[in-house]
Amino acid sequence: MVPVTRLDGREVVVNAELIETLEATPDTVITLTTGRRLVVREPVERVIERVVAYRRRILAPAGGPGGAGASCAPASPAPAAGSTGHEDGDPR
């Protein structure tokens, strides 16, 4: 999600996954895949920076810098049922 400011000063948050095109005409026009168009105060470059930052946060590994959080994924896979968790079968 990317925050932007409409020409009337209202802040809105746009789903970055729905952005199809950005145009500078001289205001920035965001066209969504739905066909809806938004005219915003931010220059195209700033909208792009925000979209890139959003994508980095979403795509970062869990628990990594900017990631979604370490608690979402186990640190390592659980051993199979009946397995000791050791390749050689040694229970230690």
Protein backbone atom coordinates (compact mmCIF):
# COMPACT_ATOMS: atom_id res chain seq x y z
CA MET A 1 0.00 0.00 0.00
CA VAL A 2 1.32 3.41 -1.01
CA PRO A 3 0.22 6.71 0.56
CA VAL A 4 -0.37 9.60 -1.86
CA THR A 5 -2.03 13.03 -1.63
CA ARG A 6 -4.92 14.08 -3.86
CA LEU A 7 -4.88 17.60 -5.28
CA ASP A 8 -7.43 18.71 -2.63
CA GLY A 9 -4.99 17.68 0.14
CA ARG A 10 -6.71 14.45 1.20
CA GLU A 11 -4.33 11.56 1.76
CA VAL A 12 -5.30 8.22 0.25
CA VAL A 13 -3.56 4.87 0.22
CA VAL A 14 -3.30 3.07 -3.12
CA ASN A 15 -2.83 -0.66 -3.58
CA ALA A 16 0.57 -0.75 -5.31
CA GLU A 17 -0.32 -4.07 -6.96
CA LEU A 18 -3.10 -2.33 -8.93
CA ILE A 19 -0.98 0.48 -10.41
CA GLU A 20 -0.82 0.09 -14.18
CA THR A 21 0.72 3.41 -15.26
CA LEU A 22 2.08 6.66 -13.85
CA GLU A 23 2.01 9.84 -15.96
CA ALA A 24 3.37 13.33 -15.33
CA THR A 25 0.95 15.72 -17.11
CA PRO A 26 2.12 18.06 -15.20
CA ASP A 27 0.26 16.57 -12.21
CA THR A 28 0.88 12.90 -11.56
CA VAL A 29 -1.88 10.64 -12.86
CA ILE A 30 -2.04 7.12 -11.46
CA THR A 31 -4.03 4.69 -13.60
CA LEU A 32 -5.09 1.47 -11.91
CA THR A 33 -5.75 -1.88 -13.55
CA THR A 34 -9.43 -1.28 -12.77
CA GLY A 35 -9.40 1.75 -15.10
CA ARG A 36 -9.75 4.22 -12.23
CA ARG A 37 -7.49 7.28 -12.43
CA LEU A 38 -6.16 9.31 -9.51
CA VAL A 39 -4.50 12.72 -9.81
CA VAL A 40 -2.01 13.26 -6.99
CA ARG A 41 0.43 15.92 -5.76
CA GLU A 42 3.52 13.69 -5.51
CA PRO A 43 5.83 13.63 -8.53
CA VAL A 44 6.09 10.36 -10.48
CA GLU A 45 9.56 9.70 -9.04
CA ARG A 46 8.27 9.86 -5.45
CA VAL A 47 5.39 7.47 -6.20
CA ILE A 48 7.88 5.07 -7.78
CA GLU A 49 10.14 5.30 -4.70
CA ARG A 50 7.18 4.46 -2.46
CA VAL A 51 6.13 1.52 -4.64
CA VAL A 52 9.69 0.15 -4.64
CA ALA A 53 9.94 0.53 -0.84
CA TYR A 54 6.58 -1.23 -0.44
CA ARG A 55 7.67 -4.12 -2.71
CA ARG A 56 10.96 -4.49 -0.81
CA ARG A 57 9.06 -4.76 2.48
CA ILE A 58 6.68 -7.34 1.05
CA LEU A 59 9.33 -9.43 -0.71
CA ALA A 60 12.00 -9.30 2.02
CA PRO A 61 12.65 -12.65 3.74
CA ALA A 62 10.72 -13.14 6.96
CA GLY A 63 12.79 -11.96 9.91
CA GLY A 64 15.27 -10.13 7.68
CA PRO A 65 15.71 -6.38 7.56
CA GLY A 66 12.30 -5.00 6.67
CA GLY A 67 10.85 -8.50 6.51
CA ALA A 68 7.38 -9.57 7.49
CA GLY A 69 8.52 -11.04 10.82
CA ALA A 70 10.42 -14.07 12.05
CA SER A 71 7.46 -15.58 13.88
CA CYS A 72 5.62 -16.28 10.61
CA ALA A 73 7.90 -19.12 9.50
CA PRO A 74 9.64 -21.94 11.40
CA ALA A 75 13.41 -21.69 11.68
CA SER A 76 13.84 -25.18 10.21
CA PRO A 77 11.51 -27.90 8.96
CA ALA A 78 10.11 -30.27 11.58
CA PRO A 79 11.47 -33.86 11.48
CA ALA A 80 9.27 -36.42 9.76
CA ALA A 81 7.02 -38.56 11.96
CA GLY A 82 9.05 -41.35 13.57
CA SER A 83 12.31 -39.60 12.75
CA THR A 84 14.88 -38.69 15.39
CA GLY A 85 15.74 -35.56 13.48
CA HIS A 86 19.26 -36.84 12.81
CA GLU A 87 20.35 -38.20 9.43
CA ASP A 88 22.36 -41.07 10.93
CA GLY A 89 19.53 -42.17 13.25
CA ASP A 90 21.55 -41.34 16.40
CA PRO A 91 19.06 -39.99 18.98
CA ARG A 92 21.67 -37.64 20.55
